[in-house]
PDB file of N, CA and C in Angstrom:
ATOM      1  N   UNK A   1      12.120 183.259 277.460  1.00  0.00           N
ATOM      2  CA  UNK A   1      12.741 181.936 277.340  1.00  0.00           C
ATOM      3  C   UNK A   1      12.746 181.824 275.563  1.00  0.00           C
ATOM      4  N   UNK A   2      11.754 182.251 274.876  1.00  0.00           N
ATOM      5  CA  UNK A   2      11.844 182.263 273.539  1.00  0.00           C
ATOM      6  C   UNK A   2      13.076 183.121 272.896  1.00  0.00           C
ATOM      7  N   UNK A   3      13.312 184.298 273.460  1.00  0.00           N
ATOM      8  CA  UNK A   3      14.243 185.225 273.121  1.00  0.00           C
ATOM      9  C   UNK A   3      15.871 184.634 273.342  1.00  0.00           C
ATOM     10  N   UNK A   4      15.987 184.052 274.513  1.00  0.00           N
ATOM     11  CA  UNK A   4      17.112 183.272 274.763  1.00  0.00           C
ATOM     12  C   UNK A   4      17.474 182.090 273.747  1.00  0.00           C
ATOM     13  N   UNK A   5      16.421 181.362 273.436  1.00  0.00           N
ATOM     14  CA  UNK A   5      16.607 180.286 272.419  1.00  0.00           C
ATOM     15  C   UNK A   5      16.938 180.914 271.100  1.00  0.00           C
ATOM     16  N   UNK A   6      16.373 181.936 270.691  1.00  0.00           N
ATOM     17  CA  UNK A   6      16.710 182.594 269.377  1.00  0.00           C
ATOM     18  C   UNK A   6      18.139 183.132 269.429  1.00  0.00           C
ATOM     19  N   UNK A   7      18.500 183.775 270.471  1.00  0.00           N
ATOM     20  CA  UNK A   7      19.760 184.211 270.636  1.00  0.00           C
ATOM     21  C   UNK A   7      20.927 183.179 270.569  1.00  0.00           C
ATOM     22  N   UNK A   8      20.529 182.100 271.247  1.00  0.00           N
ATOM     23  CA  UNK A   8      21.468 181.054 271.275  1.00  0.00           C
ATOM     24  C   UNK A   8      21.665 180.409 269.911  1.00  0.00           C
ATOM     25  N   UNK A   9      20.492 180.180 269.118  1.00  0.00           N
ATOM     26  CA  UNK A   9      20.484 179.797 267.717  1.00  0.00           C
ATOM     27  C   UNK A   9      21.446 180.571 266.849  1.00  0.00           C
ATOM     28  N   UNK A  10      21.221 182.018 267.017  1.00  0.00           N
ATOM     29  CA  UNK A  10      21.843 183.065 266.037  1.00  0.00           C
ATOM     30  C   UNK A  10      23.465 182.960 266.565  1.00  0.00           C
ATOM     31  N   UNK A  11      23.739 182.778 267.801  1.00  0.00           N
ATOM     32  CA  UNK A  11      25.004 182.698 268.283  1.00  0.00           C
ATOM     33  C   UNK A  11      25.748 181.486 267.706  1.00  0.00           C
ATOM     34  N   UNK A  12      25.030 180.322 267.922  1.00  0.00           N
ATOM     35  CA  UNK A  12      25.555 179.200 267.291  1.00  0.00           C
ATOM     36  C   UNK A  12      25.964 179.191 265.785  1.00  0.00           C
ATOM     37  N   UNK A  13      25.038 179.624 265.181  1.00  0.00           N
ATOM     38  CA  UNK A  13      24.910 179.774 263.667  1.00  0.00           C
ATOM     39  C   UNK A  13      26.268 180.603 263.209  1.00  0.00           C
ATOM     40  N   UNK A  14      26.541 181.731 263.895  1.00  0.00           N
ATOM     41  CA  UNK A  14      27.647 182.620 263.603  1.00  0.00           C
ATOM     42  C   UNK A  14      28.938 181.810 264.084  1.00  0.00           C
ATOM     43  N   UNK A  15      29.080 181.236 265.126  1.00  0.00           N
ATOM     44  CA  UNK A  15      30.174 180.398 265.410  1.00  0.00           C
ATOM     45  C   UNK A  15      30.518 179.259 264.532  1.00  0.00           C
ATOM     46  N   UNK A  16      29.471 178.737 264.071  1.00  0.00           N
ATOM     47  CA  UNK A  16      29.733 177.687 262.965  1.00  0.00           C
ATOM     48  C   UNK A  16      30.207 177.978 261.608  1.00  0.00           C
ATOM     49  N   UNK A  17      29.630 179.336 261.208  1.00  0.00           N
ATOM     50  CA  UNK A  17      29.940 179.835 260.063  1.00  0.00           C
ATOM     51  C   UNK A  17      31.373 180.590 259.981  1.00  0.00           C
ATOM     52  N   UNK A  18      31.725 181.100 261.140  1.00  0.00           N
ATOM     53  CA  UNK A  18      33.072 181.863 261.059  1.00  0.00           C
ATOM     54  C   UNK A  18      34.106 180.926 260.765  1.00  0.00           C
ATOM     55  N   UNK A  19      34.447 179.828 261.323  1.00  0.00           N
ATOM     56  CA  UNK A  19      35.618 179.021 260.904  1.00  0.00           C
ATOM     57  C   UNK A  19      35.684 178.603 259.396  1.00  0.00           C
ATOM     58  N   UNK A  20      34.329 178.472 258.853  1.00  0.00           N
ATOM     59  CA  UNK A  20      34.014 177.790 257.658  1.00  0.00           C
ATOM     60  C   UNK A  20      34.465 179.008 256.749  1.00  0.00           C
ATOM     61  N   UNK A  21      34.065 180.144 256.834  1.00  0.00           N
ATOM     62  CA  UNK A  21      34.527 181.313 255.956  1.00  0.00           C
ATOM     63  C   UNK A  21      35.826 181.526 255.771  1.00  0.00           C
ATOM     64  N   UNK A  22      36.499 181.526 257.100  1.00  0.00           N
ATOM     65  CA  UNK A  22      38.043 181.757 257.243  1.00  0.00           C
ATOM     66  C   UNK A  22      38.738 180.686 256.314  1.00  0.00           C
ATOM     67  N   UNK A  23      38.304 179.299 256.579  1.00  0.00           N
ATOM     68  CA  UNK A  23      38.901 178.352 255.735  1.00  0.00           C
ATOM     69  C   UNK A  23      38.794 178.609 254.483  1.00  0.00           C
ATOM     70  N   UNK A  24      37.669 179.025 253.921  1.00  0.00           N
ATOM     71  CA  UNK A  24      37.272 179.166 252.394  1.00  0.00           C
ATOM     72  C   UNK A  24      38.226 180.344 252.093  1.00  0.00           C
ATOM     73  N   UNK A  25      38.409 181.294 252.744  1.00  0.00           N
ATOM     74  CA  UNK A  25      39.397 182.431 252.245  1.00  0.00           C
ATOM     75  C   UNK A  25      40.819 182.011 251.893  1.00  0.00           C
ATOM     76  N   UNK A  26      41.219 181.075 252.771  1.00  0.00           N
ATOM     77  CA  UNK A  26      42.698 180.473 252.463  1.00  0.00           C
ATOM     78  C   UNK A  26      42.727 179.526 251.238  1.00  0.00           C
ATOM     79  N   UNK A  27      41.579 179.113 250.627  1.00  0.00           N
ATOM     80  CA  UNK A  27      41.722 178.260 249.537  1.00  0.00           C
ATOM     81  C   UNK A  27      42.309 178.829 248.213  1.00  0.00           C
ATOM     82  N   UNK A  28      42.295 180.018 248.184  1.00  0.00           N
ATOM     83  CA  UNK A  28      42.908 180.644 246.950  1.00  0.00           C
ATOM     84  C   UNK A  28      44.365 180.404 246.870  1.00  0.00           C
ATOM     85  N   UNK A  29      44.975 181.056 245.975  1.00  0.00           N
ATOM     86  CA  UNK A  29      46.315 181.010 245.592  1.00  0.00           C
ATOM     87  C   UNK A  29      47.103 181.544 246.657  1.00  0.00           C
ATOM     88  N   UNK A  30      48.212 180.769 247.202  1.00  0.00           N
ATOM     89  CA  UNK A  30      48.983 181.459 248.393  1.00  0.00           C
ATOM     90  C   UNK A  30      49.544 182.779 248.052  1.00  0.00           C
ATOM     91  N   UNK A  31      49.771 183.708 249.031  1.00  0.00           N
ATOM     92  CA  UNK A  31      50.585 184.974 248.875  1.00  0.00           C
ATOM     93  C   UNK A  31      52.091 184.764 248.321  1.00  0.00           C
ATOM     94  N   UNK A  32      52.659 185.730 248.103  1.00  0.00           N
ATOM     95  CA  UNK A  32      53.986 185.658 247.806  1.00  0.00           C
ATOM     96  C   UNK A  32      54.930 185.081 249.038  1.00  0.00           C
ATOM     97  N   UNK A  33      54.497 185.576 250.242  1.00  0.00           N
ATOM     98  CA  UNK A  33      55.367 185.005 251.442  1.00  0.00           C
ATOM     99  C   UNK A  33      55.183 183.672 251.540  1.00  0.00           C
ATOM    100  N   UNK A  34      53.990 182.971 251.243  1.00  0.00           N
ATOM    101  CA  UNK A  34      53.704 181.568 251.466  1.00  0.00           C
ATOM    102  C   UNK A  34      54.284 180.859 250.307  1.00  0.00           C
ATOM    103  N   UNK A  35      54.246 181.375 249.016  1.00  0.00           N
ATOM    104  CA  UNK A  35      54.904 180.583 247.956  1.00  0.00           C
ATOM    105  C   UNK A  35      56.336 180.556 248.341  1.00  0.00           C
ATOM    106  N   UNK A  36      57.047 181.723 248.744  1.00  0.00           N
ATOM    107  CA  UNK A  36      58.402 181.624 248.957  1.00  0.00           C
ATOM    108  C   UNK A  36      58.788 180.724 249.999  1.00  0.00           C
ATOM    109  N   UNK A  37      57.902 180.423 250.986  1.00  0.00           N
ATOM    110  CA  UNK A  37      58.049 179.487 252.061  1.00  0.00           C
ATOM    111  C   UNK A  37      58.223 178.096 251.588  1.00  0.00           C
ATOM    112  N   UNK A  38      57.033 177.805 250.642  1.00  0.00           N
ATOM    113  CA  UNK A  38      56.930 176.532 250.211  1.00  0.00           C
ATOM    114  C   UNK A  38      58.028 176.259 249.230  1.00  0.00           C
ATOM    115  N   UNK A  39      58.506 177.173 248.340  1.00  0.00           N
ATOM    116  CA  UNK A  39      59.647 176.957 247.540  1.00  0.00           C
ATOM    117  C   UNK A  39      60.913 176.614 248.064  1.00  0.00           C
ATOM    118  N   UNK A  40      61.123 177.373 249.261  1.00  0.00           N
ATOM    119  CA  UNK A  40      62.147 177.265 250.104  1.00  0.00           C
ATOM    120  C   UNK A  40      62.384 175.808 250.736  1.00  0.00           C
ATOM    121  N   UNK A  41      61.215 175.321 251.054  1.00  0.00           N
ATOM    122  CA  UNK A  41      61.415 173.989 251.482  1.00  0.00           C
ATOM    123  C   UNK A  41      61.474 172.999 250.491  1.00  0.00           C
ATOM    124  N   UNK A  42      60.707 173.197 249.357  1.00  0.00           N
ATOM    125  CA  UNK A  42      60.822 172.286 248.268  1.00  0.00           C
ATOM    126  C   UNK A  42      62.249 172.273 247.510  1.00  0.00           C
ATOM    127  N   UNK A  43      62.746 173.414 247.360  1.00  0.00           N
ATOM    128  CA  UNK A  43      63.901 173.382 246.543  1.00  0.00           C
ATOM    129  C   UNK A  43      65.248 173.747 247.402  1.00  0.00           C
ATOM    130  N   UNK A  44      65.186 173.881 248.708  1.00  0.00           N
ATOM    131  CA  UNK A  44      66.309 174.155 249.515  1.00  0.00           C
ATOM    132  C   UNK A  44      67.059 175.524 249.265  1.00  0.00           C
ATOM    133  N   UNK A  45      66.287 176.408 248.909  1.00  0.00           N
ATOM    134  CA  UNK A  45      66.760 177.799 248.608  1.00  0.00           C
ATOM    135  C   UNK A  45      67.811 178.461 249.387  1.00  0.00           C
ATOM    136  N   UNK A  46      68.644 179.018 249.005  1.00  0.00           N
ATOM    137  CA  UNK A  46      69.700 179.911 249.886  1.00  0.00           C
ATOM    138  C   UNK A  46      69.104 181.179 250.177  1.00  0.00           C
ATOM    139  N   UNK A  47      69.606 181.818 251.233  1.00  0.00           N
ATOM    140  CA  UNK A  47      69.038 183.260 251.661  1.00  0.00           C
ATOM    141  C   UNK A  47      69.086 184.035 250.268  1.00  0.00           C
ATOM    142  N   UNK A  48      70.258 183.887 249.565  1.00  0.00           N
ATOM    143  CA  UNK A  48      70.244 184.985 248.550  1.00  0.00           C
ATOM    144  C   UNK A  48      69.344 184.718 247.460  1.00  0.00           C
ATOM    145  N   UNK A  49      68.897 183.434 247.142  1.00  0.00           N
ATOM    146  CA  UNK A  49      67.873 183.088 246.397  1.00  0.00           C
ATOM    147  C   UNK A  49      66.535 183.568 246.768  1.00  0.00           C
ATOM    148  N   UNK A  50      66.213 183.497 248.103  1.00  0.00           N
ATOM    149  CA  UNK A  50      65.110 183.929 248.830  1.00  0.00           C
ATOM    150  C   UNK A  50      64.956 185.307 248.428  1.00  0.00           C
ATOM    151  N   UNK A  51      65.782 186.142 248.541  1.00  0.00           N
ATOM    152  CA  UNK A  51      65.898 187.597 248.532  1.00  0.00           C
ATOM    153  C   UNK A  51      65.561 188.048 247.050  1.00  0.00           C
ATOM    154  N   UNK A  52      66.113 187.195 246.159  1.00  0.00           N
ATOM    155  CA  UNK A  52      65.998 187.437 244.776  1.00  0.00           C
ATOM    156  C   UNK A  52      64.575 187.027 244.275  1.00  0.00           C
ATOM    157  N   UNK A  53      64.043 185.991 244.871  1.00  0.00           N
ATOM    158  CA  UNK A  53      62.717 185.554 244.414  1.00  0.00           C
ATOM    159  C   UNK A  53      61.547 186.321 245.036  1.00  0.00           C
ATOM    160  N   UNK A  54      61.568 187.086 246.225  1.00  0.00           N
ATOM    161  CA  UNK A  54      60.620 187.638 246.683  1.00  0.00           C
ATOM    162  C   UNK A  54      59.961 188.640 245.825  1.00  0.00           C
ATOM    163  N   UNK A  55      60.717 189.533 245.274  1.00  0.00           N
ATOM    164  CA  UNK A  55      60.054 190.687 244.449  1.00  0.00           C
ATOM    165  C   UNK A  55      59.307 189.926 243.190  1.00  0.00           C
ATOM    166  N   UNK A  56      60.036 188.936 242.820  1.00  0.00           N
ATOM    167  CA  UNK A  56      59.403 188.057 241.479  1.00  0.00           C
ATOM    168  C   UNK A  56      57.954 187.650 241.963  1.00  0.00           C
ATOM    169  N   UNK A  57      57.978 186.907 242.953  1.00  0.00           N
ATOM    170  CA  UNK A  57      56.670 186.189 243.549  1.00  0.00           C
ATOM    171  C   UNK A  57      55.599 187.268 243.717  1.00  0.00           C
ATOM    172  N   UNK A  58      56.085 188.508 244.260  1.00  0.00           N
ATOM    173  CA  UNK A  58      55.037 189.474 244.443  1.00  0.00           C
ATOM    174  C   UNK A  58      54.550 190.284 243.410  1.00  0.00           C
ATOM    175  N   UNK A  59      55.501 190.406 242.533  1.00  0.00           N
ATOM    176  CA  UNK A  59      54.953 190.925 241.208  1.00  0.00           C
ATOM    177  C   UNK A  59      54.033 189.864 240.456  1.00  0.00           C
ATOM    178  N   UNK A  60      54.387 188.703 240.503  1.00  0.00           N
ATOM    179  CA  UNK A  60      53.585 187.658 239.635  1.00  0.00           C
ATOM    180  C   UNK A  60      52.152 187.708 240.364  1.00  0.00           C
ATOM    181  N   UNK A  61      52.107 187.790 241.847  1.00  0.00           N
ATOM    182  CA  UNK A  61      50.851 187.651 242.494  1.00  0.00           C
ATOM    183  C   UNK A  61      49.994 188.956 242.170  1.00  0.00           C
ATOM    184  N   UNK A  62      50.623 189.981 242.088  1.00  0.00           N
ATOM    185  CA  UNK A  62      49.942 191.379 241.661  1.00  0.00           C
ATOM    186  C   UNK A  62      49.346 191.158 240.385  1.00  0.00           C
ATOM    187  N   UNK A  63      50.017 190.710 239.366  1.00  0.00           N
ATOM    188  CA  UNK A  63      49.653 190.539 237.955  1.00  0.00           C
ATOM    189  C   UNK A  63      48.526 189.765 238.019  1.00  0.00           C
ATOM    190  N   UNK A  64      48.609 188.427 238.639  1.00  0.00           N
ATOM    191  CA  UNK A  64      47.514 187.480 238.586  1.00  0.00           C
ATOM    192  C   UNK A  64      46.289 187.975 239.160  1.00  0.00           C
ATOM    193  N   UNK A  65      46.543 188.423 240.411  1.00  0.00           N
ATOM    194  CA  UNK A  65      45.275 189.028 241.200  1.00  0.00           C
ATOM    195  C   UNK A  65      44.611 190.284 240.327  1.00  0.00           C
ATOM    196  N   UNK A  66      45.288 190.935 239.406  1.00  0.00           N
ATOM    197  CA  UNK A  66      44.562 192.032 238.729  1.00  0.00           C
ATOM    198  C   UNK A  66      43.828 191.317 237.459  1.00  0.00           C
ATOM    199  N   UNK A  67      44.387 190.256 236.954  1.00  0.00           N
ATOM    200  CA  UNK A  67      43.936 189.485 235.913  1.00  0.00           C
ATOM    201  C   UNK A  67      42.593 188.699 236.358  1.00  0.00           C
ATOM    202  N   UNK A  68      42.525 188.121 237.620  1.00  0.00           N
ATOM    203  CA  UNK A  68      41.376 187.500 238.147  1.00  0.00           C
ATOM    204  C   UNK A  68      40.286 188.505 238.421  1.00  0.00           C
ATOM    205  N   UNK A  69      40.614 189.781 238.876  1.00  0.00           N
ATOM    206  CA  UNK A  69      39.649 190.675 238.954  1.00  0.00           C
ATOM    207  C   UNK A  69      39.028 191.304 237.912  1.00  0.00           C
ATOM    208  N   UNK A  70      39.819 191.304 236.715  1.00  0.00           N
ATOM    209  CA  UNK A  70      39.406 191.875 235.593  1.00  0.00           C
ATOM    210  C   UNK A  70      38.058 191.490 234.889  1.00  0.00           C
ATOM    211  N   UNK A  71      37.074 191.968 235.157  1.00  0.00           N
ATOM    212  CA  UNK A  71      35.754 191.555 234.535  1.00  0.00           C
ATOM    213  C   UNK A  71      35.451 192.027 233.135  1.00  0.00           C
ATOM    214  N   UNK A  72      36.338 192.861 232.732  1.00  0.00           N
ATOM    215  CA  UNK A  72      36.047 193.505 231.225  1.00  0.00           C
ATOM    216  C   UNK A  72      36.649 192.780 230.110  1.00  0.00           C
ATOM    217  N   UNK A  73      37.710 191.838 230.367  1.00  0.00           N
ATOM    218  CA  UNK A  73      38.255 191.018 229.480  1.00  0.00           C
ATOM    219  C   UNK A  73      37.549 189.669 229.512  1.00  0.00           C
ATOM    220  N   UNK A  74      37.394 189.074 228.316  1.00  0.00           N
ATOM    221  CA  UNK A  74      36.784 187.863 228.181  1.00  0.00           C
ATOM    222  C   UNK A  74      37.413 186.749 228.836  1.00  0.00           C
ATOM    223  N   UNK A  75      36.657 185.641 229.457  1.00  0.00           N
ATOM    224  CA  UNK A  75      37.444 184.634 230.291  1.00  0.00           C
ATOM    225  C   UNK A  75      38.351 184.075 229.381  1.00  0.00           C
ATOM    226  N   UNK A  76      38.230 183.747 228.030  1.00  0.00           N
ATOM    227  CA  UNK A  76      39.296 182.927 227.402  1.00  0.00           C
ATOM    228  C   UNK A  76      40.477 183.616 227.212  1.00  0.00           C
ATOM    229  N   UNK A  77      40.316 185.033 227.209  1.00  0.00           N
ATOM    230  CA  UNK A  77      41.648 185.827 226.914  1.00  0.00           C
ATOM    231  C   UNK A  77      42.317 185.920 228.384  1.00  0.00           C
ATOM    232  N   UNK A  78      41.561 186.054 229.403  1.00  0.00           N
ATOM    233  CA  UNK A  78      42.164 185.936 230.769  1.00  0.00           C
ATOM    234  C   UNK A  78      42.940 184.647 230.741  1.00  0.00           C
ATOM    235  N   UNK A  79      42.428 183.542 230.371  1.00  0.00           N
ATOM    236  CA  UNK A  79      43.103 182.270 230.600  1.00  0.00           C
ATOM    237  C   UNK A  79      44.426 182.093 229.794  1.00  0.00           C
ATOM    238  N   UNK A  80      44.331 182.849 228.602  1.00  0.00           N
ATOM    239  CA  UNK A  80      45.604 182.806 227.670  1.00  0.00           C
ATOM    240  C   UNK A  80      46.592 183.821 228.323  1.00  0.00           C
ATOM    241  N   UNK A  81      46.239 184.766 228.887  1.00  0.00           N
ATOM    242  CA  UNK A  81      47.059 185.795 229.573  1.00  0.00           C
ATOM    243  C   UNK A  81      47.671 185.155 230.866  1.00  0.00           C
ATOM    244  N   UNK A  82      46.945 184.253 231.526  1.00  0.00           N
ATOM    245  CA  UNK A  82      47.204 183.625 232.615  1.00  0.00           C
ATOM    246  C   UNK A  82      48.549 182.585 232.280  1.00  0.00           C
ATOM    247  N   UNK A  83      48.240 181.784 231.196  1.00  0.00           N
ATOM    248  CA  UNK A  83      49.453 180.673 230.881  1.00  0.00           C
ATOM    249  C   UNK A  83      50.529 181.673 230.383  1.00  0.00           C
ATOM    250  N   UNK A  84      50.380 182.939 229.672  1.00  0.00           N
ATOM    251  CA  UNK A  84      51.552 183.604 229.433  1.00  0.00           C
ATOM    252  C   UNK A  84      52.373 184.172 230.598  1.00  0.00           C
ATOM    253  N   UNK A  85      51.677 184.572 231.578  1.00  0.00           N
ATOM    254  CA  UNK A  85      52.175 185.066 232.858  1.00  0.00           C
ATOM    255  C   UNK A  85      53.066 183.946 233.693  1.00  0.00           C
ATOM    256  N   UNK A  86      52.420 182.702 233.655  1.00  0.00           N
ATOM    257  CA  UNK A  86      53.034 181.605 234.349  1.00  0.00           C
ATOM    258  C   UNK A  86      54.264 181.219 233.599  1.00  0.00           C
ATOM    259  N   UNK A  87      54.335 181.372 232.397  1.00  0.00           N
ATOM    260  CA  UNK A  87      55.538 181.101 231.552  1.00  0.00           C
ATOM    261  C   UNK A  87      56.471 181.968 231.822  1.00  0.00           C
ATOM    262  N   UNK A  88      56.081 183.326 231.793  1.00  0.00           N
ATOM    263  CA  UNK A  88      57.012 184.339 231.963  1.00  0.00           C
ATOM    264  C   UNK A  88      57.759 184.366 233.437  1.00  0.00           C
ATOM    265  N   UNK A  89      56.935 184.248 234.378  1.00  0.00           N
ATOM    266  CA  UNK A  89      57.453 184.071 235.584  1.00  0.00           C
ATOM    267  C   UNK A  89      58.043 182.787 235.948  1.00  0.00           C
ATOM    268  N   UNK A  90      57.908 181.824 235.352  1.00  0.00           N
ATOM    269  CA  UNK A  90      58.502 180.446 235.444  1.00  0.00           C
ATOM    270  C   UNK A  90      59.952 180.880 235.090  1.00  0.00           C
ATOM    271  N   UNK A  91      60.115 181.303 233.878  1.00  0.00           N
ATOM    272  CA  UNK A  91      61.441 181.757 233.287  1.00  0.00           C
ATOM    273  C   UNK A  91      62.336 182.716 234.438  1.00  0.00           C
ATOM    274  N   UNK A  92      61.621 183.676 234.947  1.00  0.00           N
ATOM    275  CA  UNK A  92      62.156 184.543 235.850  1.00  0.00           C
ATOM    276  C   UNK A  92      62.641 183.916 237.222  1.00  0.00           C
ATOM    277  N   UNK A  93      61.868 182.836 237.573  1.00  0.00           N
ATOM    278  CA  UNK A  93      62.189 182.158 238.832  1.00  0.00           C
ATOM    279  C   UNK A  93      63.288 181.222 238.506  1.00  0.00           C
ATOM    280  N   UNK A  94      63.241 180.533 237.422  1.00  0.00           N
ATOM    281  CA  UNK A  94      64.286 179.445 237.147  1.00  0.00           C
ATOM    282  C   UNK A  94      65.566 180.207 236.848  1.00  0.00           C
ATOM    283  N   UNK A  95      65.723 181.440 236.534  1.00  0.00           N
ATOM    284  CA  UNK A  95      66.897 182.242 236.151  1.00  0.00           C
ATOM    285  C   UNK A  95      67.685 182.228 237.471  1.00  0.00           C
ATOM    286  N   UNK A  96      66.949 182.179 238.823  1.00  0.00           N
ATOM    287  CA  UNK A  96      67.521 182.421 240.057  1.00  0.00           C
ATOM    288  C   UNK A  96      68.064 180.979 240.636  1.00  0.00           C
ATOM    289  N   UNK A  97      67.357 179.994 240.032  1.00  0.00           N
ATOM    290  CA  UNK A  97      67.670 178.722 240.578  1.00  0.00           C
ATOM    291  C   UNK A  97      68.786 177.903 239.874  1.00  0.00           C
ATOM    292  N   UNK A  98      69.580 176.928 240.693  1.00  0.00           N
ATOM    293  CA  UNK A  98      70.565 176.193 239.981  1.00  0.00           C
ATOM    294  C   UNK A  98      69.870 175.154 239.042  1.00  0.00           C
ATOM    295  N   UNK A  99      70.627 174.387 238.357  1.00  0.00           N
ATOM    296  CA  UNK A  99      70.182 173.609 237.401  1.00  0.00           C
ATOM    297  C   UNK A  99      69.171 172.390 238.099  1.00  0.00           C
ATOM    298  N   UNK A 100      69.681 171.890 239.037  1.00  0.00           N
ATOM    299  CA  UNK A 100      68.903 170.802 239.721  1.00  0.00           C
ATOM    300  C   UNK A 100      67.580 171.451 240.472  1.00  0.00           C
ATOM    301  N   UNK A 101      67.715 172.637 241.006  1.00  0.00           N
ATOM    302  CA  UNK A 101      66.667 173.362 241.636  1.00  0.00           C
ATOM    303  C   UNK A 101      65.581 173.522 240.481  1.00  0.00           C
ATOM    304  N   UNK A 102      66.056 173.972 239.166  1.00  0.00           N
ATOM    305  CA  UNK A 102      65.181 174.148 238.095  1.00  0.00           C
ATOM    306  C   UNK A 102      64.369 172.906 237.621  1.00  0.00           C
ATOM    307  N   UNK A 103      65.034 171.955 237.579  1.00  0.00           N
ATOM    308  CA  UNK A 103      64.568 170.638 237.254  1.00  0.00           C
ATOM    309  C   UNK A 103      63.554 170.158 238.322  1.00  0.00           C
ATOM    310  N   UNK A 104      63.710 170.363 239.606  1.00  0.00           N
ATOM    311  CA  UNK A 104      62.633 169.919 240.607  1.00  0.00           C
ATOM    312  C   UNK A 104      61.589 170.991 240.420  1.00  0.00           C
ATOM    313  N   UNK A 105      61.764 172.497 240.138  1.00  0.00           N
ATOM    314  CA  UNK A 105      60.804 173.396 240.138  1.00  0.00           C
ATOM    315  C   UNK A 105      59.840 172.942 238.749  1.00  0.00           C
ATOM    316  N   UNK A 106      60.389 172.480 237.703  1.00  0.00           N
ATOM    317  CA  UNK A 106      59.664 172.209 236.587  1.00  0.00           C
ATOM    318  C   UNK A 106      58.834 170.846 237.003  1.00  0.00           C
ATOM    319  N   UNK A 107      59.272 169.912 237.804  1.00  0.00           N
ATOM    320  CA  UNK A 107      58.372 168.805 238.211  1.00  0.00           C
ATOM    321  C   UNK A 107      57.295 169.283 239.058  1.00  0.00           C
ATOM    322  N   UNK A 108      57.495 170.126 240.069  1.00  0.00           N
ATOM    323  CA  UNK A 108      56.531 170.723 240.908  1.00  0.00           C
ATOM    324  C   UNK A 108      55.487 171.342 239.944  1.00  0.00           C
ATOM    325  N   UNK A 109      55.972 172.367 239.254  1.00  0.00           N
ATOM    326  CA  UNK A 109      54.901 172.974 238.235  1.00  0.00           C
ATOM    327  C   UNK A 109      53.989 172.108 237.485  1.00  0.00           C
ATOM    328  N   UNK A 110      54.696 170.937 237.066  1.00  0.00           N
ATOM    329  CA  UNK A 110      53.822 169.962 236.267  1.00  0.00           C
ATOM    330  C   UNK A 110      52.879 169.261 237.049  1.00  0.00           C
ATOM    331  N   UNK A 111      53.042 169.022 238.298  1.00  0.00           N
ATOM    332  CA  UNK A 111      52.222 168.375 239.190  1.00  0.00           C
ATOM    333  C   UNK A 111      51.026 169.571 239.594  1.00  0.00           C
ATOM    334  N   UNK A 112      51.484 170.713 239.769  1.00  0.00           N
ATOM    335  CA  UNK A 112      50.386 171.649 240.097  1.00  0.00           C
ATOM    336  C   UNK A 112      49.412 171.678 238.782  1.00  0.00           C
ATOM    337  N   UNK A 113      50.008 171.470 237.644  1.00  0.00           N
ATOM    338  CA  UNK A 113      49.211 171.901 236.496  1.00  0.00           C
ATOM    339  C   UNK A 113      48.167 170.741 236.243  1.00  0.00           C
ATOM    340  N   UNK A 114      48.761 169.562 236.681  1.00  0.00           N
ATOM    341  CA  UNK A 114      47.859 168.299 236.618  1.00  0.00           C
ATOM    342  C   UNK A 114      46.609 168.636 237.633  1.00  0.00           C
ATOM    343  N   UNK A 115      47.065 168.978 238.676  1.00  0.00           N
ATOM    344  CA  UNK A 115      45.954 169.229 239.757  1.00  0.00           C
ATOM    345  C   UNK A 115      44.806 170.176 239.156  1.00  0.00           C
ATOM    346  N   UNK A 116      45.405 171.265 238.634  1.00  0.00           N
ATOM    347  CA  UNK A 116      44.509 172.274 238.197  1.00  0.00           C
ATOM    348  C   UNK A 116      43.450 171.803 236.993  1.00  0.00           C
ATOM    349  N   UNK A 117      44.050 170.732 236.235  1.00  0.00           N
ATOM    350  CA  UNK A 117      43.470 170.086 235.254  1.00  0.00           C
ATOM    351  C   UNK A 117      42.111 169.313 235.876  1.00  0.00           C
ATOM    352  N   UNK A 118      42.554 168.473 236.841  1.00  0.00           N
ATOM    353  CA  UNK A 118      41.508 167.629 237.459  1.00  0.00           C
ATOM    354  C   UNK A 118      40.280 168.418 238.098  1.00  0.00           C
ATOM    355  N   UNK A 119      40.558 169.644 238.449  1.00  0.00           N
ATOM    356  CA  UNK A 119      39.393 170.544 239.009  1.00  0.00           C
ATOM    357  C   UNK A 119      38.359 170.805 238.119  1.00  0.00           C
TER     358      UNK A 119
END
């Protein structure tokens, strides 16, 4: 009886923790495919724009991921580099967009920056 109770408690704990850990994994920065999907919805991208943006977003993700995992560079230097990367990639992205889409992109980026500052 005692063994069954312990087994049930362990199983219950595993079931309770599993969805929580999966939800936490998703909290980070969206991958390139998810970013492209969000941008397509927000900016009404054409198929040609999606094709051009996909490699840009993948490269951005790879560079930011490398920066996040770099423990040899001081945090302040990584922050500066992150700002530089965001600026660089925003320019590359806006080069693919129309003027109206670029303006909307700037607005979305400003909103996201405000959210980051609140955290």
